[in-house]
Amino acid sequence: MGANAEPLTEARQATPEWLTQTLRKAGRLAEGHVTAVHERAVVRTGLSVLTRLELSYSAGVPRSAPERVILKTPRPDGATQAAKLTEQEVEFYRVIAPHTPSPPIVRCHDAAFSPARGHGHLLLDDLAETHSHPIWPLPPSVPSCEQAIDSLAMLHARWWDHPELGKGIGTVLDESGVVEMMGGIALQFSRFADFLEDRLAGERRRVYEAVLSSSLRPWKRIAQRRGLTVVHGDAHLSNFLYPHAPGDASVFLIDWQLWHIDVGARDLAFMIALHWYPERRAALELPLLRRYHNRLVAHGVTGYSWDNCWSDYRLGAIRNLTVPVVQWAGGLPPGQWWHRLECALLAYRDLDCAELLDGGGS
């Protein structure tokens, strides 16, 4: 999928001729051709430019040909980080997506990346007419949470302990890799704490110091190389697309720049414990985790008990503490990480995570 093609750098390069050739190569256009391209909208995010295109076709084109697509390219003013994230997302759509059901994966027609130029593109179905994001920052409804859980369980079960994990698919950290990574985060935390001064003092600071000076069990769990899968890595509910039509269960998960190999419950800890306040978490956390585990089993996952799942979730809640630190060090404004810092500390307390630091708990 786009393996040998140079990536586009701007939407005007998506000509009718290019689109015809690309869709034909992807198996979406057995007959006919694209006659015109209309730019419907342009959305700029922190790292990407999303250009919504409407396509017109000659007569006789199959109904499966997409009418609306999104061309996703990095922002032209993006940094090295944007190039790395684009490369990761292109890899996802080349390697993982073709072997994963849609939904929850949006259909991709082309994915290309040039290491020399540090640039890439994706050509995806545009679902704006039928799907939308939850309204931020309102908490999603219970049915919406359940649909998100079902989508994650389907994805995780598909790649659960797959023999290619860490070989042809992604990288699995060993213990030395974990120690090296966390050493870097410890240095970032020192600067982060100095920046926050008395806003991260007393017990709050002692929690971080205990976690970073521990055996790093929550992260070394990955090095055990069991119960691992492909995870999204940024599975907050704004990265889900929900259908407008009542009764439609087709939920899609987007923005795969941070996918990696990890424990499946890590996505759930990110979604729930890093973003929800205690009252809502207390009401929904256990039912949603139970639902997730039941769905894994229904999809064929074996040898992974409920106790394993709950323990992995709590370990994931500990790992949430480093997310605001890394985001601050990456230059994100407080509006994107302060809320997560508060939620992570509250969840650490509520879930009695301290007992898990050096091997305690289930």
Protein backbone atom coordinates (compact mmCIF):
# COMPACT_ATOMS: atom_id res chain seq x y z
CA MET A 1 0.00 0.00 0.00
CA GLY A 2 2.00 2.99 -1.23
CA ALA A 3 5.24 1.10 -0.55
CA ASN A 4 7.17 2.48 -3.51
CA ALA A 5 5.32 5.76 -4.09
CA GLU A 6 6.53 9.18 -3.00
CA PRO A 7 4.11 10.66 -0.47
CA LEU A 8 2.03 13.70 -1.29
CA THR A 9 2.93 16.92 0.46
CA GLU A 10 -0.28 18.88 -0.19
CA ALA A 11 -3.85 18.23 -1.23
CA ARG A 12 -3.58 19.75 -4.72
CA GLN A 13 -1.33 16.82 -5.66
CA ALA A 14 -4.32 14.50 -5.20
CA THR A 15 -5.38 14.94 -8.82
CA PRO A 16 -8.08 12.87 -10.53
CA GLU A 17 -5.30 10.93 -12.28
CA TRP A 18 -3.45 10.21 -9.04
CA LEU A 19 -6.63 9.20 -7.25
CA THR A 20 -7.68 6.93 -10.11
CA GLN A 21 -4.33 5.15 -10.07
CA THR A 22 -4.25 4.92 -6.27
CA LEU A 23 -7.79 3.59 -5.88
CA ARG A 24 -7.26 1.11 -8.69
CA LYS A 25 -4.09 -0.19 -7.00
CA ALA A 26 -6.03 -0.52 -3.73
CA GLY A 27 -8.73 -2.58 -5.44
CA ARG A 28 -11.44 0.06 -5.00
CA LEU A 29 -11.82 1.04 -8.67
CA ALA A 30 -11.96 -1.90 -11.06
CA GLU A 31 -13.65 0.19 -13.76
CA GLY A 32 -13.99 3.86 -14.69
CA HIS A 33 -11.96 6.74 -13.30
CA VAL A 34 -12.08 9.82 -11.08
CA THR A 35 -13.22 12.82 -13.12
CA ALA A 36 -13.04 15.62 -10.54
CA VAL A 37 -11.91 16.37 -6.99
CA HIS A 38 -13.64 18.92 -4.77
CA GLU A 39 -11.99 20.15 -1.56
CA ARG A 40 -14.73 20.24 1.06
CA ALA A 41 -12.80 21.33 4.16
CA VAL A 42 -9.35 21.55 5.72
CA VAL A 43 -8.75 20.79 9.41
CA ARG A 44 -5.40 21.52 11.03
CA THR A 45 -4.50 19.66 14.22
CA GLY A 46 -1.36 19.96 16.32
CA LEU A 47 0.64 17.73 13.99
CA SER A 48 -1.46 17.04 10.88
CA VAL A 49 -3.46 18.59 8.07
CA LEU A 50 -6.70 16.76 7.23
CA THR A 51 -8.12 17.65 3.83
CA ARG A 52 -11.62 16.36 3.09
CA LEU A 53 -12.08 15.56 -0.59
CA GLU A 54 -15.24 14.71 -2.53
CA LEU A 55 -14.73 12.61 -5.65
CA SER A 56 -16.71 12.50 -8.89
CA TYR A 57 -16.50 9.48 -11.20
CA SER A 58 -17.14 8.46 -14.76
CA ALA A 59 -20.06 6.17 -15.56
CA GLY A 60 -19.89 2.52 -14.59
CA VAL A 61 -17.83 2.93 -11.43
CA PRO A 62 -18.61 0.27 -8.76
CA ARG A 63 -20.61 1.35 -5.74
CA SER A 64 -17.73 0.36 -3.48
CA ALA A 65 -15.64 3.29 -4.77
CA PRO A 66 -15.35 5.93 -2.02
CA GLU A 67 -17.28 9.15 -2.54
CA ARG A 68 -15.47 11.08 0.18
CA VAL A 69 -11.92 10.64 1.44
CA ILE A 70 -9.52 12.35 3.82
CA LEU A 71 -5.94 13.08 2.84
CA LYS A 72 -3.87 13.23 6.03
CA THR A 73 -0.44 14.86 5.82
CA PRO A 74 1.93 16.30 8.47
CA ARG A 75 1.77 20.03 9.09
CA PRO A 76 4.37 21.76 6.91
CA ASP A 77 5.76 23.51 9.99
CA GLY A 78 6.00 20.21 11.90
CA ALA A 79 9.13 19.07 13.69
CA THR A 80 11.03 15.79 13.76
CA GLN A 81 8.44 14.45 16.20
CA ALA A 82 5.71 14.92 13.58
CA ALA A 83 7.73 12.94 11.03
CA LYS A 84 8.25 10.07 13.49
CA LEU A 85 4.56 9.96 14.39
CA THR A 86 3.56 10.03 10.73
CA GLU A 87 5.90 7.12 10.03
CA GLN A 88 4.35 5.16 12.90
CA GLU A 89 0.81 5.75 11.65
CA VAL A 90 1.73 4.83 8.08
CA GLU A 91 3.28 1.63 9.42
CA PHE A 92 0.06 0.87 11.28
CA TYR A 93 -2.06 1.21 8.15
CA ARG A 94 0.38 -0.85 6.11
CA VAL A 95 1.04 -3.67 8.57
CA ILE A 96 -1.78 -3.85 11.13
CA ALA A 97 -4.90 -2.42 9.48
CA PRO A 98 -5.07 -4.83 6.51
CA HIS A 99 -5.45 -7.72 8.97
CA THR A 100 -7.85 -6.00 11.40
CA PRO A 101 -11.63 -5.65 10.94
CA SER A 102 -13.23 -2.40 9.79
CA PRO A 103 -14.80 -1.23 12.07
CA PRO A 104 -13.07 -0.42 14.34
CA ILE A 105 -10.34 0.51 11.83
CA VAL A 106 -11.17 3.16 9.22
CA ARG A 107 -10.60 1.86 5.71
CA CYS A 108 -7.31 3.10 4.28
CA HIS A 109 -6.77 3.39 0.52
CA ASP A 110 -3.14 4.45 0.53
CA ALA A 111 -0.30 4.91 3.01
CA ALA A 112 3.14 6.21 2.01
CA PHE A 113 6.19 7.49 3.86
CA SER A 114 9.58 8.74 2.72
CA PRO A 115 12.33 8.32 5.35
CA ALA A 116 14.61 10.61 3.35
CA ARG A 117 12.07 13.45 3.39
CA GLY A 118 10.49 12.65 6.74
CA HIS A 119 7.10 13.02 5.14
CA GLY A 120 4.12 10.78 4.55
CA HIS A 121 0.42 10.66 3.77
CA LEU A 122 -2.68 8.61 4.39
CA LEU A 123 -5.78 8.39 2.21
CA LEU A 124 -8.71 7.32 4.39
CA ASP A 125 -12.47 7.04 4.16
CA ASP A 126 -14.17 10.25 5.28
CA LEU A 127 -16.83 9.27 7.83
CA ALA A 128 -17.98 12.80 8.72
CA GLU A 129 -21.42 12.29 7.15
CA THR A 130 -22.19 9.27 9.36
CA HIS A 131 -19.97 9.55 12.45
CA SER A 132 -18.66 12.15 14.90
CA HIS A 133 -16.55 12.57 18.02
CA PRO A 134 -18.04 12.82 21.51
CA ILE A 135 -18.52 16.40 22.70
CA TRP A 136 -15.43 17.40 24.67
CA PRO A 137 -15.12 17.68 27.66
CA LEU A 138 -18.51 16.17 28.52
CA PRO A 139 -18.21 12.57 29.77
CA PRO A 140 -19.62 10.10 27.24
CA SER A 141 -22.74 8.11 27.91
CA VAL A 142 -22.57 4.58 29.30
CA PRO A 143 -23.49 3.04 25.91
CA SER A 144 -20.70 5.05 24.28
CA CYS A 145 -18.22 3.76 26.87
CA GLU A 146 -19.39 0.20 26.27
CA GLN A 147 -18.99 0.56 22.51
CA ALA A 148 -15.44 1.86 23.02
CA ILE A 149 -14.65 -1.11 25.27
CA ASP A 150 -16.03 -3.54 22.68
CA SER A 151 -13.88 -1.97 19.95
CA LEU A 152 -10.72 -2.19 22.04
CA ALA A 153 -11.45 -5.79 23.00
CA MET A 154 -11.91 -6.73 19.34
CA LEU A 155 -8.61 -5.10 18.38
CA HIS A 156 -6.68 -6.55 21.31
CA ALA A 157 -8.05 -10.06 20.85
CA ARG A 158 -7.12 -10.01 17.16
CA TRP A 159 -3.43 -9.49 17.99
CA TRP A 160 -3.26 -11.18 21.41
CA ASP A 161 0.10 -12.93 21.77
CA HIS A 162 0.47 -12.96 18.00
CA PRO A 163 3.71 -14.73 16.98
CA GLU A 164 4.85 -11.70 14.95
CA LEU A 165 4.70 -9.27 17.88
CA GLY A 166 8.18 -7.86 18.40
CA LYS A 167 9.38 -9.47 15.19
CA GLY A 168 7.66 -8.27 12.03
CA ILE A 169 5.18 -6.21 14.06
CA GLY A 170 6.37 -3.52 16.45
CA THR A 171 9.00 -3.70 19.16
CA VAL A 172 8.79 -5.32 22.61
CA LEU A 173 10.89 -3.68 25.30
CA ASP A 174 13.12 -5.85 27.46
CA GLU A 175 14.01 -4.94 31.04
CA SER A 176 17.10 -2.97 30.06
CA GLY A 177 15.03 -0.98 27.58
CA VAL A 178 12.49 -0.24 30.31
CA VAL A 179 15.21 0.96 32.69
CA GLU A 180 16.71 3.21 30.03
CA MET A 181 13.34 4.70 29.10
CA MET A 182 12.40 5.36 32.72
CA GLY A 183 15.78 6.93 33.43
CA GLY A 184 14.97 9.54 30.81
CA ILE A 185 11.52 10.13 32.30
CA ALA A 186 13.03 10.51 35.79
CA LEU A 187 15.18 13.36 34.47
CA GLN A 188 12.13 14.94 32.87
CA PHE A 189 10.23 14.62 36.16
CA SER A 190 12.92 16.53 38.06
CA ARG A 191 12.44 19.50 35.73
CA PHE A 192 8.66 19.03 35.75
CA ALA A 193 8.55 19.19 39.56
CA ASP A 194 10.76 22.28 39.60
CA PHE A 195 8.39 23.91 37.10
CA LEU A 196 5.29 23.17 39.20
CA GLU A 197 6.92 24.15 42.51
CA ASP A 198 4.32 23.99 45.33
CA ARG A 199 1.64 22.73 42.92
CA LEU A 200 3.34 19.33 43.10
CA ALA A 201 4.49 19.12 46.70
CA GLY A 202 4.05 16.97 49.77
CA GLU A 203 2.30 13.65 49.25
CA ARG A 204 1.84 14.29 45.52
CA ARG A 205 5.57 14.58 44.97
CA ARG A 206 6.28 11.60 47.25
CA VAL A 207 4.02 9.43 45.06
CA TYR A 208 6.17 10.23 42.03
CA GLU A 209 9.41 9.67 43.92
CA ALA A 210 8.19 6.28 45.16
CA VAL A 211 7.15 5.20 41.67
CA LEU A 212 10.35 6.32 39.97
CA SER A 213 12.61 4.77 42.64
CA SER A 214 10.71 1.46 42.65
CA SER A 215 11.51 -1.77 40.81
CA LEU A 216 9.52 -0.36 37.83
CA ARG A 217 7.24 -3.40 37.90
CA PRO A 218 4.40 -1.67 35.97
CA TRP A 219 6.69 -1.15 32.98
CA LYS A 220 8.65 -4.40 33.30
CA ARG A 221 5.34 -6.23 32.94
CA ILE A 222 5.82 -5.74 29.18
CA ALA A 223 9.14 -7.58 29.27
CA GLN A 224 7.36 -10.72 30.50
CA ARG A 225 6.20 -11.14 26.87
CA ARG A 226 2.86 -12.71 27.71
CA GLY A 227 -0.62 -11.31 27.28
CA LEU A 228 0.68 -8.63 24.90
CA THR A 229 -1.11 -7.17 21.91
CA VAL A 230 -1.34 -4.17 19.61
CA VAL A 231 -2.59 -1.16 21.59
CA HIS A 232 -3.71 2.24 20.42
CA GLY A 233 -1.59 4.19 22.89
CA ASP A 234 -3.81 7.30 22.94
CA ALA A 235 -7.24 5.79 23.52
CA HIS A 236 -9.10 8.73 25.04
CA LEU A 237 -12.71 8.81 23.92
CA SER A 238 -12.19 11.76 21.55
CA ASN A 239 -10.25 9.35 19.34
CA PHE A 240 -13.41 7.33 18.77
CA LEU A 241 -15.96 8.06 16.05
CA TYR A 242 -19.56 7.23 16.95
CA PRO A 243 -22.41 6.70 14.47
CA HIS A 244 -25.18 9.28 14.13
CA ALA A 245 -27.84 6.67 13.34
CA PRO A 246 -29.58 5.04 16.34
CA GLY A 247 -28.85 1.34 16.55
CA ASP A 248 -25.71 1.56 14.42
CA ALA A 249 -22.92 -0.20 16.33
CA SER A 250 -20.09 0.77 13.96
CA VAL A 251 -17.58 2.60 16.17
CA PHE A 252 -14.20 3.54 14.70
CA LEU A 253 -10.88 4.28 16.42
CA ILE A 254 -8.66 6.88 14.75
CA ASP A 255 -5.23 8.54 15.10
CA TRP A 256 -2.80 5.65 15.33
CA GLN A 257 0.45 7.62 15.69
CA LEU A 258 1.19 6.12 19.12
CA TRP A 259 0.32 2.46 18.51
CA HIS A 260 2.75 -0.05 19.98
CA ILE A 261 3.01 -3.49 21.57
CA ASP A 262 1.82 -3.50 25.17
CA VAL A 263 -0.61 -4.94 27.68
CA GLY A 264 -4.18 -4.53 26.43
CA ALA A 265 -5.47 -3.12 29.71
CA ARG A 266 -3.04 -0.24 29.26
CA ASP A 267 -5.46 1.27 26.74
CA LEU A 268 -8.27 1.01 29.29
CA ALA A 269 -6.22 2.59 32.08
CA PHE A 270 -5.40 5.43 29.69
CA MET A 271 -9.04 5.87 28.68
CA ILE A 272 -10.57 5.65 32.17
CA ALA A 273 -8.07 6.26 34.99
CA LEU A 274 -6.24 9.09 33.23
CA HIS A 275 -9.34 11.07 32.23
CA TRP A 276 -12.24 10.40 34.59
CA TYR A 277 -12.87 11.87 38.02
CA PRO A 278 -13.48 9.52 41.00
CA GLU A 279 -17.28 9.53 41.05
CA ARG A 280 -17.71 8.43 37.45
CA ARG A 281 -14.77 6.07 37.64
CA ALA A 282 -16.20 4.42 40.77
CA ALA A 283 -19.52 3.86 39.00
CA LEU A 284 -18.20 2.52 35.68
CA GLU A 285 -14.65 1.27 36.13
CA LEU A 286 -15.32 -2.29 37.30
CA PRO A 287 -18.33 -2.94 35.01
CA LEU A 288 -16.35 -1.78 31.97
CA LEU A 289 -13.29 -3.83 32.92
CA ARG A 290 -15.51 -6.88 33.42
CA ARG A 291 -17.10 -6.26 30.04
CA TYR A 292 -13.66 -5.98 28.44
CA HIS A 293 -12.47 -9.25 29.95
CA ASN A 294 -15.68 -11.04 28.93
CA ARG A 295 -15.27 -9.75 25.36
CA LEU A 296 -11.67 -10.97 25.22
CA VAL A 297 -12.78 -14.44 26.23
CA ALA A 298 -15.64 -14.35 23.71
CA HIS A 299 -13.13 -13.45 20.99
CA GLY A 300 -11.01 -16.50 21.87
CA VAL A 301 -8.38 -15.21 24.30
CA THR A 302 -7.35 -17.95 26.75
CA GLY A 303 -5.05 -18.15 29.76
CA TYR A 304 -5.84 -14.59 30.88
CA SER A 305 -7.88 -14.52 34.09
CA TRP A 306 -9.99 -11.71 35.48
CA ASP A 307 -7.38 -11.23 38.22
CA ASN A 308 -4.70 -10.83 35.51
CA CYS A 309 -6.84 -8.22 33.79
CA TRP A 310 -7.54 -6.23 36.96
CA SER A 311 -3.88 -6.30 37.97
CA ASP A 312 -2.78 -5.11 34.52
CA TYR A 313 -5.28 -2.26 34.70
CA ARG A 314 -3.96 -1.11 38.08
CA LEU A 315 -0.38 -1.32 36.80
CA GLY A 316 -1.53 0.80 33.85
CA ALA A 317 -2.93 3.35 36.31
CA ILE A 318 0.55 3.69 37.81
CA ARG A 319 2.04 4.22 34.37
CA ASN A 320 -0.45 7.05 33.81
CA LEU A 321 1.57 9.19 36.21
CA THR A 322 4.31 9.64 33.63
CA VAL A 323 1.96 10.80 30.86
CA PRO A 324 1.68 14.44 32.06
CA VAL A 325 5.45 14.54 32.61
CA VAL A 326 6.20 13.40 29.05
CA GLN A 327 3.56 15.74 27.62
CA TRP A 328 4.98 18.72 29.51
CA ALA A 329 8.51 17.83 28.38
CA GLY A 330 7.20 17.61 24.81
CA GLY A 331 5.98 21.21 24.97
CA LEU A 332 2.23 20.63 25.33
CA PRO A 333 0.37 23.40 27.22
CA PRO A 334 -1.06 22.80 30.72
CA GLY A 335 -4.57 22.61 29.28
CA GLN A 336 -3.63 19.24 27.81
CA TRP A 337 -1.94 17.64 30.81
CA TRP A 338 -3.03 19.26 34.09
CA HIS A 339 -6.39 17.50 34.15
CA ARG A 340 -4.62 14.21 33.46
CA LEU A 341 -2.16 14.81 36.29
CA GLU A 342 -5.02 15.29 38.75
CA CYS A 343 -6.93 12.23 37.53
CA ALA A 344 -3.81 10.04 37.56
CA LEU A 345 -2.98 10.92 41.16
CA LEU A 346 -6.56 10.34 42.30
CA ALA A 347 -6.72 6.96 40.57
CA TYR A 348 -3.36 5.94 42.07
CA ARG A 349 -4.84 6.57 45.51
CA ASP A 350 -8.26 5.04 44.90
CA LEU A 351 -6.87 1.83 43.35
CA ASP A 352 -4.30 1.30 46.14
CA CYS A 353 -1.56 1.28 43.54
CA ALA A 354 1.28 1.71 46.03
CA GLU A 355 0.99 -1.97 46.99
CA LEU A 356 1.82 -2.98 43.42
CA LEU A 357 5.08 -1.09 43.07
CA ASP A 358 7.44 -3.85 44.14
CA GLY A 359 5.52 -7.02 43.53
CA GLY A 360 2.61 -6.80 45.96
CA GLY A 361 -1.04 -7.36 45.08
CA SER A 362 -2.52 -9.88 42.70
